[in-house]
Amino acid sequence: MSRHPTLKWAQRADVLFITIDLPDAKDVKLKLEPEGKFYFSATAGADNVPYEIDIELHDKVNVNESKASVGSRAIVYLIKKEESKWWNRLLKQEGKTPAFVKVDWDKWVDEDEMDEKAGADMDFGDMDFSQLNLGGGGGFDAEGVDDEDEDSDTEEEEEEEKKEGESIGKKEVAAPLGNQVEAGA
């Protein structure tokens, strides 16, 4: 009998983020159907223990625009929803959610907070987005992102701070007046 790895999920109006925590997964098989059927199987560990997930997602998905990335610690699936709308749950079945399905709080954004949080500070673990080919014609240009809350310094600011630090180190420091000892007294 197969075991169930932990499946974490989060969403936006147009996509689902599904992360399957399974370090050193081998023989990974992923199947996604337009009706929302999601199947995963793999083996892991020294004993090649079989793992499997077979679920039916809440609504239809766009298989052609959905992408997967198999990493050394997790399998991440970016699933494009057929309709751009928020789902009230991950699974079609109502009732208690299976124990292996959990919310991915690192990626979660509430529907009413969507405008406030653009997603620039989300942790995607070891997912390699360069293999996803999500369109847009070229690589991602982080310099073009307009982030008002950015705390990191630009290269110019870092150089300026470095120069200031060097000039402080070169300044002469006067000895305290109260503790001077006269020689030859």
N, C-alpha and C. Protein backbone atom coordinates (compact mmCIF):
# COMPACT_ATOMS: atom_id res chain seq x y z
N MET A 1 0.84 -1.19 0.00
CA MET A 1 0.00 0.00 0.00
C MET A 1 0.88 1.25 0.00
N SER A 2 0.50 2.25 -0.77
CA SER A 2 1.26 3.49 -0.90
C SER A 2 0.97 4.42 0.27
N ARG A 3 1.95 5.24 0.56
CA ARG A 3 1.80 6.29 1.57
C ARG A 3 1.44 7.59 0.85
N HIS A 4 0.95 8.55 1.66
CA HIS A 4 0.65 9.88 1.12
C HIS A 4 1.70 10.87 1.62
N PRO A 5 2.43 11.54 0.71
CA PRO A 5 3.31 12.62 1.16
C PRO A 5 2.47 13.84 1.51
N THR A 6 3.06 14.79 2.21
CA THR A 6 2.36 16.02 2.55
C THR A 6 2.18 16.86 1.29
N LEU A 7 0.96 17.31 1.05
CA LEU A 7 0.64 18.19 -0.06
C LEU A 7 0.24 19.54 0.53
N LYS A 8 0.99 20.59 0.18
CA LYS A 8 0.65 21.94 0.64
C LYS A 8 0.12 22.71 -0.56
N TRP A 9 -0.88 23.56 -0.30
CA TRP A 9 -1.47 24.32 -1.39
C TRP A 9 -1.75 25.77 -1.00
N ALA A 10 -1.73 26.63 -2.01
CA ALA A 10 -2.11 28.03 -1.87
C ALA A 10 -2.70 28.43 -3.23
N GLN A 11 -3.32 29.59 -3.29
CA GLN A 11 -3.94 30.01 -4.55
C GLN A 11 -3.90 31.51 -4.74
N ARG A 12 -4.09 31.90 -5.97
CA ARG A 12 -4.43 33.24 -6.39
C ARG A 12 -5.70 33.06 -7.22
N ALA A 13 -6.25 34.13 -7.72
CA ALA A 13 -7.48 34.03 -8.50
C ALA A 13 -7.29 33.15 -9.73
N ASP A 14 -6.10 33.19 -10.32
CA ASP A 14 -5.89 32.48 -11.59
C ASP A 14 -5.04 31.22 -11.49
N VAL A 15 -4.34 30.98 -10.38
CA VAL A 15 -3.45 29.82 -10.28
C VAL A 15 -3.53 29.15 -8.91
N LEU A 16 -3.11 27.88 -8.90
CA LEU A 16 -2.92 27.12 -7.66
C LEU A 16 -1.44 26.81 -7.53
N PHE A 17 -0.95 26.83 -6.30
CA PHE A 17 0.40 26.39 -6.01
C PHE A 17 0.27 25.08 -5.23
N ILE A 18 0.78 24.00 -5.78
CA ILE A 18 0.76 22.74 -5.07
C ILE A 18 2.21 22.30 -4.86
N THR A 19 2.57 22.06 -3.61
CA THR A 19 3.91 21.61 -3.26
C THR A 19 3.79 20.26 -2.57
N ILE A 20 4.48 19.28 -3.09
CA ILE A 20 4.49 17.94 -2.49
C ILE A 20 5.85 17.77 -1.83
N ASP A 21 5.86 17.69 -0.50
CA ASP A 21 7.10 17.54 0.26
C ASP A 21 7.52 16.08 0.24
N LEU A 22 8.53 15.78 -0.56
CA LEU A 22 9.04 14.42 -0.65
C LEU A 22 10.51 14.48 -1.08
N PRO A 23 11.43 14.57 -0.10
CA PRO A 23 12.85 14.65 -0.44
C PRO A 23 13.33 13.41 -1.19
N ASP A 24 14.23 13.64 -2.13
CA ASP A 24 14.87 12.58 -2.91
C ASP A 24 13.86 11.67 -3.60
N ALA A 25 12.82 12.24 -4.17
CA ALA A 25 11.81 11.47 -4.89
C ALA A 25 12.39 10.91 -6.18
N LYS A 26 12.06 9.66 -6.47
CA LYS A 26 12.51 9.00 -7.69
C LYS A 26 11.28 8.50 -8.45
N ASP A 27 11.44 8.30 -9.74
CA ASP A 27 10.36 7.79 -10.59
C ASP A 27 9.08 8.61 -10.44
N VAL A 28 9.23 9.93 -10.48
CA VAL A 28 8.10 10.83 -10.27
C VAL A 28 7.17 10.79 -11.49
N LYS A 29 5.90 10.60 -11.21
CA LYS A 29 4.87 10.61 -12.25
C LYS A 29 3.79 11.62 -11.82
N LEU A 30 3.51 12.55 -12.70
CA LEU A 30 2.49 13.57 -12.46
C LEU A 30 1.48 13.52 -13.59
N LYS A 31 0.21 13.58 -13.24
CA LYS A 31 -0.83 13.60 -14.26
C LYS A 31 -1.90 14.60 -13.83
N LEU A 32 -2.22 15.51 -14.72
CA LEU A 32 -3.23 16.52 -14.46
C LEU A 32 -4.21 16.50 -15.63
N GLU A 33 -5.49 16.40 -15.32
CA GLU A 33 -6.52 16.36 -16.35
C GLU A 33 -7.35 17.64 -16.30
N PRO A 34 -7.90 18.07 -17.44
CA PRO A 34 -8.67 19.32 -17.49
C PRO A 34 -9.83 19.38 -16.51
N GLU A 35 -10.43 18.24 -16.18
CA GLU A 35 -11.56 18.23 -15.24
C GLU A 35 -11.11 18.47 -13.81
N GLY A 36 -9.80 18.48 -13.57
CA GLY A 36 -9.29 18.74 -12.23
C GLY A 36 -8.74 17.50 -11.53
N LYS A 37 -8.64 16.39 -12.21
CA LYS A 37 -8.09 15.18 -11.59
C LYS A 37 -6.58 15.33 -11.54
N PHE A 38 -6.01 15.14 -10.33
CA PHE A 38 -4.56 15.29 -10.11
C PHE A 38 -4.02 13.98 -9.54
N TYR A 39 -3.00 13.45 -10.20
CA TYR A 39 -2.39 12.19 -9.76
C TYR A 39 -0.88 12.37 -9.65
N PHE A 40 -0.31 11.88 -8.55
CA PHE A 40 1.12 11.91 -8.32
C PHE A 40 1.56 10.57 -7.76
N SER A 41 2.69 10.08 -8.24
CA SER A 41 3.29 8.90 -7.63
C SER A 41 4.80 9.02 -7.73
N ALA A 42 5.49 8.43 -6.76
CA ALA A 42 6.95 8.43 -6.73
C ALA A 42 7.40 7.43 -5.67
N THR A 43 8.68 7.16 -5.68
CA THR A 43 9.28 6.36 -4.60
C THR A 43 10.33 7.24 -3.93
N ALA A 44 10.62 6.95 -2.67
CA ALA A 44 11.61 7.73 -1.94
C ALA A 44 12.23 6.88 -0.84
N GLY A 45 13.40 7.30 -0.40
CA GLY A 45 14.07 6.61 0.69
C GLY A 45 14.93 5.45 0.20
N ALA A 46 15.70 4.91 1.10
CA ALA A 46 16.60 3.79 0.78
C ALA A 46 15.82 2.55 0.37
N ASP A 47 14.62 2.39 0.93
CA ASP A 47 13.80 1.21 0.63
C ASP A 47 12.86 1.42 -0.55
N ASN A 48 12.98 2.56 -1.24
CA ASN A 48 12.09 2.90 -2.36
C ASN A 48 10.61 2.74 -1.99
N VAL A 49 10.24 3.40 -0.90
CA VAL A 49 8.86 3.35 -0.42
C VAL A 49 7.96 4.06 -1.42
N PRO A 50 6.85 3.44 -1.86
CA PRO A 50 5.95 4.10 -2.82
C PRO A 50 5.07 5.15 -2.14
N TYR A 51 4.91 6.28 -2.82
CA TYR A 51 4.04 7.37 -2.38
C TYR A 51 3.07 7.68 -3.50
N GLU A 52 1.86 8.09 -3.12
CA GLU A 52 0.84 8.34 -4.13
C GLU A 52 -0.18 9.35 -3.62
N ILE A 53 -0.65 10.20 -4.54
CA ILE A 53 -1.75 11.12 -4.27
C ILE A 53 -2.68 11.05 -5.47
N ASP A 54 -3.95 10.87 -5.21
CA ASP A 54 -4.95 10.82 -6.27
C ASP A 54 -6.15 11.63 -5.77
N ILE A 55 -6.27 12.87 -6.25
CA ILE A 55 -7.32 13.77 -5.76
C ILE A 55 -8.05 14.40 -6.94
N GLU A 56 -9.22 14.94 -6.63
CA GLU A 56 -9.99 15.67 -7.62
C GLU A 56 -10.08 17.12 -7.14
N LEU A 57 -9.49 18.03 -7.93
CA LEU A 57 -9.48 19.44 -7.57
C LEU A 57 -10.88 20.04 -7.66
N HIS A 58 -11.06 21.15 -6.97
CA HIS A 58 -12.37 21.80 -6.85
C HIS A 58 -13.03 22.14 -8.18
N ASP A 59 -12.22 22.53 -9.18
CA ASP A 59 -12.80 22.96 -10.45
C ASP A 59 -11.85 22.61 -11.59
N LYS A 60 -12.23 23.00 -12.79
CA LYS A 60 -11.43 22.68 -13.97
C LYS A 60 -10.15 23.50 -14.02
N VAL A 61 -9.12 22.93 -14.70
CA VAL A 61 -7.82 23.58 -14.82
C VAL A 61 -7.36 23.59 -16.27
N ASN A 62 -6.43 24.46 -16.57
CA ASN A 62 -5.84 24.54 -17.90
C ASN A 62 -4.53 23.75 -17.88
N VAL A 63 -4.55 22.54 -18.40
CA VAL A 63 -3.40 21.64 -18.35
C VAL A 63 -2.22 22.19 -19.16
N ASN A 64 -2.50 22.81 -20.30
CA ASN A 64 -1.44 23.30 -21.18
C ASN A 64 -0.62 24.43 -20.58
N GLU A 65 -1.22 25.24 -19.70
CA GLU A 65 -0.51 26.36 -19.09
C GLU A 65 -0.03 26.04 -17.68
N SER A 66 -0.19 24.82 -17.24
CA SER A 66 0.26 24.40 -15.91
C SER A 66 1.66 23.80 -16.04
N LYS A 67 2.52 24.07 -15.05
CA LYS A 67 3.91 23.64 -15.11
C LYS A 67 4.33 22.97 -13.80
N ALA A 68 5.27 22.03 -13.91
CA ALA A 68 5.77 21.33 -12.73
C ALA A 68 7.29 21.46 -12.67
N SER A 69 7.82 21.41 -11.46
CA SER A 69 9.26 21.42 -11.24
C SER A 69 9.57 20.38 -10.16
N VAL A 70 10.42 19.41 -10.52
CA VAL A 70 10.81 18.37 -9.57
C VAL A 70 12.15 18.77 -8.99
N GLY A 71 12.16 19.10 -7.68
CA GLY A 71 13.39 19.48 -7.00
C GLY A 71 13.89 18.37 -6.12
N SER A 72 15.00 18.60 -5.45
CA SER A 72 15.58 17.57 -4.60
C SER A 72 14.79 17.37 -3.31
N ARG A 73 14.04 18.37 -2.87
CA ARG A 73 13.29 18.26 -1.62
C ARG A 73 11.78 18.26 -1.81
N ALA A 74 11.33 18.75 -2.96
CA ALA A 74 9.88 18.87 -3.16
C ALA A 74 9.55 18.90 -4.65
N ILE A 75 8.31 18.61 -4.95
CA ILE A 75 7.77 18.72 -6.29
C ILE A 75 6.77 19.87 -6.25
N VAL A 76 6.97 20.87 -7.10
CA VAL A 76 6.11 22.04 -7.09
C VAL A 76 5.34 22.09 -8.41
N TYR A 77 4.04 22.28 -8.29
CA TYR A 77 3.17 22.34 -9.47
C TYR A 77 2.46 23.69 -9.46
N LEU A 78 2.62 24.44 -10.53
CA LEU A 78 1.92 25.70 -10.71
C LEU A 78 0.78 25.41 -11.67
N ILE A 79 -0.44 25.38 -11.17
CA ILE A 79 -1.60 24.96 -11.95
C ILE A 79 -2.45 26.17 -12.31
N LYS A 80 -2.65 26.35 -13.60
CA LYS A 80 -3.48 27.46 -14.09
C LYS A 80 -4.95 27.04 -14.02
N LYS A 81 -5.76 27.86 -13.37
CA LYS A 81 -7.20 27.59 -13.28
C LYS A 81 -7.87 27.89 -14.62
N GLU A 82 -8.89 27.14 -14.94
CA GLU A 82 -9.64 27.38 -16.18
C GLU A 82 -10.35 28.73 -16.11
N GLU A 83 -10.98 29.02 -14.96
CA GLU A 83 -11.62 30.31 -14.74
C GLU A 83 -10.86 31.04 -13.64
N SER A 84 -10.68 32.34 -13.85
CA SER A 84 -9.97 33.13 -12.86
C SER A 84 -10.93 33.52 -11.73
N LYS A 85 -10.97 32.67 -10.70
CA LYS A 85 -11.82 32.93 -9.54
C LYS A 85 -11.23 32.21 -8.32
N TRP A 86 -11.55 32.69 -7.14
CA TRP A 86 -11.06 32.08 -5.91
C TRP A 86 -11.89 30.84 -5.58
N TRP A 87 -11.20 29.79 -5.18
CA TRP A 87 -11.86 28.57 -4.74
C TRP A 87 -11.99 28.61 -3.23
N ASN A 88 -13.12 28.09 -2.71
CA ASN A 88 -13.29 28.07 -1.25
C ASN A 88 -12.63 26.84 -0.62
N ARG A 89 -12.14 25.92 -1.45
CA ARG A 89 -11.40 24.75 -0.95
C ARG A 89 -10.60 24.17 -2.12
N LEU A 90 -9.65 23.30 -1.82
CA LEU A 90 -8.83 22.68 -2.85
C LEU A 90 -9.54 21.53 -3.55
N LEU A 91 -10.23 20.70 -2.78
CA LEU A 91 -10.81 19.47 -3.30
C LEU A 91 -12.28 19.62 -3.65
N LYS A 92 -12.72 18.87 -4.65
CA LYS A 92 -14.12 18.88 -5.04
C LYS A 92 -15.00 18.30 -3.94
N GLN A 93 -14.53 17.24 -3.31
CA GLN A 93 -15.32 16.59 -2.25
C GLN A 93 -15.49 17.53 -1.07
N GLU A 94 -16.68 17.54 -0.53
CA GLU A 94 -16.95 18.34 0.65
C GLU A 94 -16.67 17.49 1.88
N GLY A 95 -16.64 18.12 3.03
CA GLY A 95 -16.38 17.39 4.26
C GLY A 95 -14.95 17.58 4.71
N LYS A 96 -14.49 16.66 5.51
CA LYS A 96 -13.17 16.76 6.11
C LYS A 96 -12.07 16.57 5.06
N THR A 97 -11.11 17.49 5.08
CA THR A 97 -9.97 17.41 4.17
C THR A 97 -9.04 16.30 4.66
N PRO A 98 -8.46 15.51 3.76
CA PRO A 98 -7.52 14.46 4.18
C PRO A 98 -6.36 15.04 4.98
N ALA A 99 -5.82 14.24 5.89
CA ALA A 99 -4.77 14.71 6.81
C ALA A 99 -3.49 15.14 6.08
N PHE A 100 -3.21 14.59 4.91
CA PHE A 100 -1.97 14.93 4.21
C PHE A 100 -2.07 16.23 3.42
N VAL A 101 -3.26 16.83 3.31
CA VAL A 101 -3.46 18.09 2.60
C VAL A 101 -3.42 19.23 3.61
N LYS A 102 -2.48 20.17 3.37
CA LYS A 102 -2.30 21.30 4.29
C LYS A 102 -2.21 22.61 3.50
N VAL A 103 -2.51 23.71 4.16
CA VAL A 103 -2.38 25.02 3.55
C VAL A 103 -0.91 25.42 3.57
N ASP A 104 -0.42 25.97 2.48
CA ASP A 104 0.96 26.47 2.39
C ASP A 104 0.96 27.94 2.81
N TRP A 105 1.17 28.19 4.08
CA TRP A 105 1.08 29.54 4.62
C TRP A 105 2.19 30.44 4.08
N ASP A 106 3.30 29.86 3.59
CA ASP A 106 4.37 30.68 3.01
C ASP A 106 3.92 31.35 1.71
N LYS A 107 3.01 30.74 1.00
CA LYS A 107 2.54 31.29 -0.28
C LYS A 107 1.13 31.85 -0.21
N TRP A 108 0.45 31.65 0.90
CA TRP A 108 -0.97 32.01 1.00
C TRP A 108 -1.15 33.51 1.04
N VAL A 109 -2.15 33.99 0.27
CA VAL A 109 -2.60 35.38 0.32
C VAL A 109 -4.12 35.34 0.28
N ASP A 110 -4.76 36.05 1.21
CA ASP A 110 -6.22 36.11 1.20
C ASP A 110 -6.69 36.91 0.00
N GLU A 111 -7.90 36.62 -0.44
CA GLU A 111 -8.47 37.27 -1.61
C GLU A 111 -8.50 38.79 -1.45
N ASP A 112 -8.87 39.27 -0.26
CA ASP A 112 -8.96 40.71 -0.05
C ASP A 112 -7.59 41.38 0.13
N GLU A 113 -6.53 40.60 0.31
CA GLU A 113 -5.18 41.16 0.43
C GLU A 113 -4.40 41.06 -0.87
N MET A 114 -5.00 40.56 -1.90
CA MET A 114 -4.30 40.29 -3.16
C MET A 114 -3.63 41.54 -3.71
N ASP A 115 -4.28 42.70 -3.66
CA ASP A 115 -3.69 43.92 -4.21
C ASP A 115 -2.52 44.41 -3.38
N GLU A 116 -2.56 44.18 -2.06
CA GLU A 116 -1.51 44.66 -1.17
C GLU A 116 -0.22 43.86 -1.33
N LYS A 117 -0.34 42.57 -1.57
CA LYS A 117 0.83 41.70 -1.60
C LYS A 117 1.00 41.17 -3.02
N ALA A 118 1.96 41.70 -3.72
CA ALA A 118 2.15 41.33 -5.12
C ALA A 118 2.83 39.98 -5.28
N GLY A 119 3.38 39.43 -4.21
CA GLY A 119 4.00 38.11 -4.30
C GLY A 119 5.51 38.16 -4.41
N ALA A 120 6.11 39.33 -4.37
CA ALA A 120 7.55 39.43 -4.53
C ALA A 120 8.32 38.82 -3.38
N ASP A 121 7.71 38.74 -2.20
CA ASP A 121 8.43 38.21 -1.04
C ASP A 121 8.06 36.77 -0.72
N MET A 122 7.43 36.07 -1.66
CA MET A 122 7.01 34.69 -1.39
C MET A 122 8.19 33.74 -1.49
N ASP A 123 8.17 32.70 -0.67
CA ASP A 123 9.21 31.68 -0.67
C ASP A 123 8.75 30.52 -1.54
N PHE A 124 9.48 30.29 -2.63
CA PHE A 124 9.14 29.18 -3.52
C PHE A 124 10.09 28.01 -3.34
N GLY A 125 10.82 27.97 -2.24
CA GLY A 125 11.71 26.85 -1.97
C GLY A 125 12.75 26.71 -3.06
N ASP A 126 12.96 25.51 -3.53
CA ASP A 126 13.99 25.28 -4.55
C ASP A 126 13.40 25.14 -5.95
N MET A 127 12.23 25.76 -6.18
CA MET A 127 11.60 25.66 -7.48
C MET A 127 12.38 26.47 -8.51
N ASP A 128 12.63 25.89 -9.67
CA ASP A 128 13.36 26.54 -10.74
C ASP A 128 12.37 27.09 -11.76
N PHE A 129 12.06 28.39 -11.65
CA PHE A 129 11.07 28.99 -12.53
C PHE A 129 11.58 29.14 -13.96
N SER A 130 12.87 29.04 -14.18
CA SER A 130 13.40 29.18 -15.53
C SER A 130 12.90 28.07 -16.44
N GLN A 131 12.51 26.93 -15.89
CA GLN A 131 12.03 25.81 -16.68
C GLN A 131 10.52 25.88 -16.95
N LEU A 132 9.84 26.83 -16.36
CA LEU A 132 8.39 26.87 -16.48
C LEU A 132 7.90 27.47 -17.79
N ASN A 133 8.69 28.35 -18.42
CA ASN A 133 8.31 28.96 -19.68
C ASN A 133 6.88 29.52 -19.60
N LEU A 134 6.69 30.45 -18.68
CA LEU A 134 5.37 31.02 -18.46
C LEU A 134 5.03 32.14 -19.43
N GLY A 135 5.89 32.37 -20.40
CA GLY A 135 5.61 33.41 -21.38
C GLY A 135 6.22 34.72 -20.95
N GLY A 136 5.90 35.76 -21.64
CA GLY A 136 6.43 37.06 -21.31
C GLY A 136 7.65 37.40 -22.14
N GLY A 137 8.15 36.47 -22.92
CA GLY A 137 9.23 36.76 -23.85
C GLY A 137 10.54 37.12 -23.19
N GLY A 138 11.16 36.24 -22.48
CA GLY A 138 12.48 36.51 -21.92
C GLY A 138 12.51 36.28 -20.44
N GLY A 139 13.66 36.58 -19.89
CA GLY A 139 13.86 36.34 -18.46
C GLY A 139 13.19 37.38 -17.60
N PHE A 140 13.11 37.11 -16.36
CA PHE A 140 12.51 38.01 -15.39
C PHE A 140 13.52 39.08 -15.04
N ASP A 141 13.09 40.34 -15.09
CA ASP A 141 13.96 41.45 -14.78
C ASP A 141 13.59 41.99 -13.42
N ALA A 142 14.33 41.60 -12.39
CA ALA A 142 14.02 42.01 -11.02
C ALA A 142 14.20 43.50 -10.84
N GLU A 143 15.06 44.14 -11.65
CA GLU A 143 15.28 45.57 -11.52
C GLU A 143 14.06 46.37 -11.94
N GLY A 144 13.20 45.77 -12.78
CA GLY A 144 12.01 46.45 -13.25
C GLY A 144 10.85 46.40 -12.28
N VAL A 145 11.00 45.65 -11.19
CA VAL A 145 9.93 45.52 -10.21
C VAL A 145 9.91 46.76 -9.34
N ASP A 146 8.73 47.35 -9.16
CA ASP A 146 8.59 48.55 -8.37
C ASP A 146 8.08 48.15 -6.99
N ASP A 147 8.97 48.15 -6.01
CA ASP A 147 8.61 47.70 -4.66
C ASP A 147 8.91 48.81 -3.67
N GLU A 148 7.88 49.45 -3.14
CA GLU A 148 8.07 50.57 -2.24
C GLU A 148 8.66 50.16 -0.90
N ASP A 149 8.43 48.94 -0.45
CA ASP A 149 8.89 48.50 0.86
C ASP A 149 10.28 47.88 0.81
N GLU A 150 10.99 48.04 -0.28
CA GLU A 150 12.28 47.38 -0.45
C GLU A 150 13.29 47.96 0.52
N ASP A 151 13.95 47.10 1.29
CA ASP A 151 14.95 47.52 2.26
C ASP A 151 16.37 47.36 1.75
N SER A 152 16.59 46.59 0.73
CA SER A 152 17.94 46.32 0.27
C SER A 152 18.51 47.55 -0.43
N ASP A 153 19.83 47.72 -0.30
CA ASP A 153 20.51 48.85 -0.90
C ASP A 153 20.83 48.55 -2.35
N THR A 154 20.89 49.63 -3.14
CA THR A 154 21.36 49.47 -4.50
C THR A 154 22.88 49.38 -4.46
N GLU A 155 23.49 49.01 -5.57
CA GLU A 155 24.94 48.91 -5.61
C GLU A 155 25.58 50.25 -5.32
N GLU A 156 25.00 51.36 -5.83
CA GLU A 156 25.53 52.70 -5.59
C GLU A 156 25.50 53.03 -4.10
N GLU A 157 24.40 52.71 -3.42
CA GLU A 157 24.29 52.99 -1.99
C GLU A 157 25.30 52.16 -1.20
N GLU A 158 25.50 50.90 -1.60
CA GLU A 158 26.47 50.05 -0.91
C GLU A 158 27.88 50.60 -1.07
N GLU A 159 28.24 51.08 -2.29
CA GLU A 159 29.56 51.66 -2.52
C GLU A 159 29.75 52.91 -1.68
N GLU A 160 28.71 53.75 -1.61
CA GLU A 160 28.79 54.98 -0.83
C GLU A 160 29.00 54.67 0.66
N GLU A 161 28.26 53.67 1.18
CA GLU A 161 28.43 53.28 2.58
C GLU A 161 29.82 52.72 2.84
N LYS A 162 30.35 51.99 1.87
CA LYS A 162 31.68 51.41 2.00
C LYS A 162 32.73 52.52 2.09
N LYS A 163 32.59 53.55 1.21
CA LYS A 163 33.52 54.68 1.21
C LYS A 163 33.44 55.45 2.53
N GLU A 164 32.22 55.65 3.03
CA GLU A 164 32.05 56.34 4.31
C GLU A 164 32.73 55.57 5.43
N GLY A 165 32.59 54.26 5.42
CA GLY A 165 33.21 53.42 6.45
C GLY A 165 34.73 53.49 6.39
N GLU A 166 35.29 53.55 5.17
CA GLU A 166 36.74 53.65 5.01
C GLU A 166 37.24 54.99 5.50
N SER A 167 36.51 56.07 5.20
CA SER A 167 36.95 57.40 5.61
C SER A 167 36.86 57.56 7.13
N ILE A 168 35.92 56.92 7.77
CA ILE A 168 35.82 56.97 9.23
C ILE A 168 37.03 56.28 9.85
N GLY A 169 37.44 55.19 9.26
CA GLY A 169 38.59 54.45 9.78
C GLY A 169 39.88 55.22 9.63
N LYS A 170 39.98 56.21 8.70
CA LYS A 170 41.19 56.98 8.46
C LYS A 170 41.27 58.23 9.31
N LYS A 171 40.20 58.66 9.94
CA LYS A 171 40.19 59.87 10.75
C LYS A 171 41.06 59.68 11.98
N GLU A 172 41.75 60.77 12.35
CA GLU A 172 42.58 60.71 13.55
C GLU A 172 41.69 60.85 14.76
N VAL A 173 41.99 60.08 15.77
CA VAL A 173 41.21 60.14 16.98
C VAL A 173 42.07 60.77 18.06
N ALA A 174 41.58 61.81 18.71
CA ALA A 174 42.33 62.49 19.77
C ALA A 174 42.29 61.67 21.04
N ALA A 175 43.39 61.64 21.75
CA ALA A 175 43.45 60.91 23.01
C ALA A 175 42.66 61.66 24.06
N PRO A 176 42.05 60.97 25.03
CA PRO A 176 41.33 61.65 26.09
C PRO A 176 42.27 62.52 26.91
N LEU A 177 41.80 63.69 27.29
CA LEU A 177 42.65 64.65 28.01
C LEU A 177 42.91 64.30 29.45
N GLY A 178 42.00 63.68 30.12
CA GLY A 178 42.11 63.43 31.54
C GLY A 178 43.11 62.35 31.91
N ASN A 179 43.54 61.51 31.03
CA ASN A 179 44.39 60.38 31.37
C ASN A 179 45.78 60.49 30.77
N GLN A 180 46.26 61.72 30.47
CA GLN A 180 47.58 61.86 29.86
C GLN A 180 48.65 61.84 30.95
N VAL A 181 49.73 61.19 30.65
CA VAL A 181 50.87 61.13 31.59
C VAL A 181 52.03 61.83 30.93
N GLU A 182 52.62 62.75 31.68
CA GLU A 182 53.75 63.48 31.11
C GLU A 182 55.01 62.66 31.31
N ALA A 183 55.79 62.62 30.28
CA ALA A 183 57.07 61.90 30.36
C ALA A 183 58.12 62.81 30.95
N GLY A 184 58.97 62.22 31.74
CA GLY A 184 60.11 62.97 32.30
C GLY A 184 59.73 63.93 33.40
N ALA A 185 58.70 63.68 34.16
CA ALA A 185 58.29 64.62 35.19
C ALA A 185 59.03 64.44 36.45
